[in-house]
Amino acid sequence: MKSNIEIAQEAKALPIERVAAQIGIAEEELIPYGRYMAKVPLPVLRRYEGCPDGRLVLVTAITPTPAGEGKTVTTIGLVEALGKQGRRVMGAIREPSLGPTFGLKGGATGGGLAQVYPMWDIDLHFTGDIHAVGAAHNLLSAILENHIAKGNRLNIDPTRIFLRKAIDMNCRELRNIVVGLGGRKEGGIPHESGFIITVASEISAILALTTSMTDLKERLG
């Protein structure tokens, strides 16, 4: 049996615009990221308003086998099988986090003949959304820290700040740290803090739940 990377490297992938055309999305409606990846803007959904709902199959709570066959492989396998039967089918899987990709868990693009392409781009940064979430999260944290250092008009207690920083990496040494060293002018107010993995941040949860740009702005305050 060939390795996952060997199977992916030998795959004859279709350009993303041809894949999109199979589900009725025109090339000009895509935001391309190279030849094989693209985003679909939210306004495209308006064309499907009033259409009958499809059937939803939720794949969850699967303990992977020693070979790594879990939720992602099962989901992709179901999509391939239903597509082989001539059904119009689409799979929705999460964006891989860079931390677990380099850890014991590995990437999140499936495996064997049930994987998404191109695994190397998807596992490593994809379209940059996780990095954008991390930057947004850390911007809010920086604004909060700056407010405290510049007079703290809201009288925020630094020992009761529950908003930590975010990083898309498994760094145990950053889970619990002390920030604000170097004096008020250079470092702010010393207090305990730490980093969480970006996909576990509040901003990431809000992004997953939001339904529009307006809704996103309201949820972020």
Protein backbone atom coordinates (compact mmCIF):
# COMPACT_ATOMS: atom_id res chain seq x y z
CA MET A 1 0.00 0.00 0.00
CA LYS A 2 1.36 3.40 -0.95
CA SER A 3 1.73 6.11 1.67
CA ASN A 4 -0.74 8.99 1.89
CA ILE A 5 1.72 11.45 0.41
CA GLU A 6 2.55 9.11 -2.48
CA ILE A 7 -1.14 8.70 -3.30
CA ALA A 8 -1.64 12.47 -3.19
CA GLN A 9 1.39 13.20 -5.36
CA GLU A 10 0.19 10.78 -8.03
CA ALA A 11 -3.39 12.07 -8.01
CA LYS A 12 -4.77 13.73 -11.13
CA ALA A 13 -6.72 16.55 -9.51
CA LEU A 14 -9.28 18.71 -11.28
CA PRO A 15 -8.89 22.51 -11.17
CA ILE A 16 -11.11 23.97 -8.47
CA GLU A 17 -13.34 25.79 -10.97
CA ARG A 18 -14.31 22.45 -12.56
CA VAL A 19 -15.10 21.00 -9.14
CA ALA A 20 -17.24 24.04 -8.33
CA ALA A 21 -19.07 23.76 -11.65
CA GLN A 22 -20.27 20.28 -10.66
CA ILE A 23 -22.32 21.81 -7.84
CA GLY A 24 -23.52 24.83 -9.79
CA ILE A 25 -20.99 27.46 -8.69
CA ALA A 26 -19.55 29.59 -11.50
CA GLU A 27 -15.84 30.35 -11.80
CA GLU A 28 -16.40 34.10 -11.34
CA GLU A 29 -18.09 33.39 -8.00
CA LEU A 30 -14.96 31.81 -6.55
CA ILE A 31 -12.12 33.44 -4.63
CA PRO A 32 -9.22 31.24 -5.80
CA TYR A 33 -6.20 30.23 -3.74
CA GLY A 34 -4.06 28.64 -6.43
CA ARG A 35 -5.36 25.97 -8.84
CA TYR A 36 -6.99 23.59 -6.38
CA MET A 37 -8.42 25.66 -3.52
CA ALA A 38 -10.95 28.47 -3.35
CA LYS A 39 -13.40 30.23 -1.07
CA VAL A 40 -17.09 30.69 -1.87
CA PRO A 41 -18.44 34.13 -0.81
CA LEU A 42 -21.52 34.12 1.43
CA PRO A 43 -23.72 35.98 -1.13
CA VAL A 44 -23.65 32.83 -3.29
CA LEU A 45 -25.95 31.22 -0.71
CA ARG A 46 -28.74 33.62 -1.67
CA ARG A 47 -29.20 31.75 -4.94
CA TYR A 48 -30.21 28.69 -2.96
CA GLU A 49 -32.82 30.39 -0.79
CA GLY A 50 -36.14 28.68 -1.27
CA CYS A 51 -34.55 25.48 -2.53
CA PRO A 52 -35.49 22.27 -0.72
CA ASP A 53 -33.07 21.16 1.98
CA GLY A 54 -30.80 18.22 1.31
CA ARG A 55 -30.11 15.34 3.66
CA LEU A 56 -27.50 15.86 6.38
CA VAL A 57 -25.27 13.04 7.61
CA LEU A 58 -23.33 13.97 10.76
CA VAL A 59 -20.16 11.97 11.40
CA THR A 60 -18.99 12.33 14.99
CA ALA A 61 -17.68 10.55 18.10
CA ILE A 62 -15.53 8.02 16.28
CA THR A 63 -12.39 6.70 17.97
CA PRO A 64 -9.80 6.28 15.19
CA THR A 65 -8.42 2.84 14.46
CA PRO A 66 -4.66 2.22 14.84
CA ALA A 67 -4.41 2.95 11.10
CA GLY A 68 -5.92 6.41 11.65
CA GLU A 69 -9.40 5.73 10.25
CA GLY A 70 -11.65 8.18 12.07
CA LYS A 71 -14.17 10.94 11.40
CA THR A 72 -12.37 12.55 8.46
CA VAL A 73 -11.62 9.33 6.59
CA THR A 74 -15.19 8.13 7.17
CA THR A 75 -16.66 11.43 5.97
CA ILE A 76 -14.55 11.51 2.80
CA GLY A 77 -15.28 7.84 2.14
CA LEU A 78 -19.03 8.48 2.41
CA VAL A 79 -18.77 11.43 0.00
CA GLU A 80 -16.85 9.31 -2.50
CA ALA A 81 -19.30 6.41 -2.20
CA LEU A 82 -22.40 8.58 -2.62
CA GLY A 83 -20.78 10.43 -5.51
CA LYS A 84 -20.02 7.09 -7.16
CA GLN A 85 -23.75 6.37 -7.03
CA GLY A 86 -24.42 9.55 -8.98
CA ARG A 87 -25.70 11.59 -6.07
CA ARG A 88 -24.95 15.29 -5.69
CA VAL A 89 -22.96 15.30 -2.49
CA MET A 90 -20.64 17.60 -0.56
CA GLY A 91 -18.52 17.04 2.54
CA ALA A 92 -17.73 19.63 5.21
CA ILE A 93 -14.68 18.98 7.37
CA ARG A 94 -12.77 21.26 9.69
CA GLU A 95 -9.65 23.21 8.79
CA PRO A 96 -6.54 21.50 10.20
CA SER A 97 -4.76 23.19 13.08
CA LEU A 98 -1.01 23.59 12.61
CA GLY A 99 -0.23 22.43 16.16
CA PRO A 100 -1.71 18.90 15.97
CA THR A 101 -0.47 18.58 12.37
CA PHE A 102 3.10 18.61 13.70
CA GLY A 103 2.15 16.60 16.78
CA LEU A 104 1.16 13.01 17.42
CA LYS A 105 -2.29 13.45 15.87
CA GLY A 106 -1.03 14.58 12.47
CA GLY A 107 -2.98 16.36 9.74
CA ALA A 108 -6.70 16.39 9.06
CA THR A 109 -7.06 15.58 5.37
CA GLY A 110 -7.95 11.90 5.61
CA GLY A 111 -5.76 9.11 4.33
CA GLY A 112 -5.30 6.40 1.74
CA LEU A 113 -7.79 6.77 -1.10
CA ALA A 114 -10.11 8.79 1.16
CA GLN A 115 -8.26 12.09 1.41
CA VAL A 116 -8.68 15.66 0.22
CA TYR A 117 -6.24 17.33 -2.14
CA PRO A 118 -3.76 19.03 -1.88
CA MET A 119 -2.97 17.73 1.60
CA TRP A 120 0.28 19.73 1.93
CA ASP A 121 -1.46 23.06 1.35
CA ILE A 122 -4.53 22.23 3.43
CA ASP A 123 -2.55 20.95 6.43
CA LEU A 124 -0.09 23.87 6.26
CA HIS A 125 -1.93 27.22 6.44
CA PHE A 126 -4.71 26.43 3.89
CA THR A 127 -6.36 29.79 3.09
CA GLY A 128 -4.91 31.52 6.16
CA ASP A 129 -8.14 31.69 8.17
CA ILE A 130 -6.69 30.28 11.40
CA HIS A 131 -3.87 32.81 11.28
CA ALA A 132 -6.40 35.60 10.75
CA VAL A 133 -8.39 34.37 13.76
CA GLY A 134 -5.21 34.32 15.86
CA ALA A 135 -4.33 37.88 14.82
CA ALA A 136 -7.86 39.11 15.63
CA HIS A 137 -7.80 37.36 19.02
CA ASN A 138 -4.39 38.78 19.94
CA LEU A 139 -5.44 42.26 18.77
CA LEU A 140 -8.29 42.21 21.30
CA SER A 141 -5.90 40.99 23.98
CA ALA A 142 -3.39 43.75 23.12
CA ILE A 143 -6.13 46.42 23.28
CA LEU A 144 -7.12 45.17 26.73
CA GLU A 145 -3.53 45.12 28.01
CA ASN A 146 -2.87 48.60 26.59
CA HIS A 147 -5.98 49.98 28.29
CA ILE A 148 -4.76 48.69 31.65
CA ALA A 149 -1.27 50.12 31.13
CA LYS A 150 -2.59 53.54 30.00
CA GLY A 151 -4.58 54.43 33.09
CA ASN A 152 -7.18 51.64 33.31
CA ARG A 153 -10.25 53.91 33.30
CA LEU A 154 -12.52 50.87 33.43
CA ASN A 155 -10.74 49.66 36.58
CA ILE A 156 -10.10 46.18 35.17
CA ASP A 157 -8.47 43.78 37.63
CA PRO A 158 -5.42 42.25 35.84
CA THR A 159 -5.68 39.15 38.03
CA ARG A 160 -9.16 38.42 36.65
CA ILE A 161 -8.45 38.55 32.91
CA PHE A 162 -9.71 35.33 31.36
CA LEU A 163 -8.94 36.28 27.75
CA ARG A 164 -5.60 34.65 27.02
CA LYS A 165 -3.42 34.97 23.94
CA ALA A 166 -3.69 32.57 20.98
CA ILE A 167 -1.11 30.65 18.95
CA ASP A 168 -1.61 27.88 16.39
CA MET A 169 1.06 25.62 17.84
CA ASN A 170 1.45 23.07 20.63
CA CYS A 171 3.62 25.02 23.09
CA ARG A 172 3.24 23.69 26.63
CA GLU A 173 5.71 26.26 27.97
CA LEU A 174 3.35 29.08 26.92
CA ARG A 175 0.20 27.76 28.58
CA ASN A 176 0.95 29.62 31.82
CA ILE A 177 3.20 32.68 31.73
CA VAL A 178 3.71 36.08 33.36
CA VAL A 179 3.32 39.16 31.13
CA GLY A 180 3.86 42.87 31.68
CA LEU A 181 7.46 42.69 32.91
CA GLY A 182 9.83 45.59 32.30
CA GLY A 183 7.98 48.36 34.12
CA ARG A 184 4.76 50.20 33.31
CA LYS A 185 6.32 52.22 30.46
CA GLU A 186 7.78 49.24 28.59
CA GLY A 187 5.80 46.22 29.72
CA GLY A 188 2.55 47.28 31.36
CA ILE A 189 1.20 45.70 34.54
CA PRO A 190 2.69 42.29 35.52
CA HIS A 191 0.09 39.55 35.81
CA GLU A 192 -0.41 35.90 34.96
CA SER A 193 -1.60 34.99 31.47
CA GLY A 194 -0.98 32.29 28.88
CA PHE A 195 -1.66 31.01 25.39
CA ILE A 196 -4.40 28.76 24.08
CA ILE A 197 -4.38 27.05 20.71
CA THR A 198 -6.08 29.32 18.17
CA VAL A 199 -8.90 26.95 17.24
CA ALA A 200 -10.00 26.92 20.91
CA SER A 201 -10.27 30.71 21.10
CA GLU A 202 -13.47 32.69 21.55
CA ILE A 203 -12.95 34.32 18.15
CA SER A 204 -12.78 30.91 16.49
CA ALA A 205 -16.04 29.86 18.15
CA ILE A 206 -17.74 33.10 17.08
CA LEU A 207 -16.55 32.63 13.49
CA ALA A 208 -18.01 29.12 13.44
CA LEU A 209 -21.41 30.31 14.69
CA THR A 210 -21.79 33.53 12.70
CA THR A 211 -24.18 33.75 9.75
CA SER A 212 -23.08 37.02 8.12
CA MET A 213 -20.63 39.90 8.38
CA THR A 214 -23.23 41.88 10.33
CA ASP A 215 -23.74 38.99 12.72
CA LEU A 216 -19.95 38.61 13.11
CA LYS A 217 -19.54 42.29 14.04
CA GLU A 218 -22.37 42.09 16.57
CA ARG A 219 -20.95 38.98 18.22
CA LEU A 220 -17.48 40.55 18.44
CA GLY A 221 -18.97 43.66 20.04
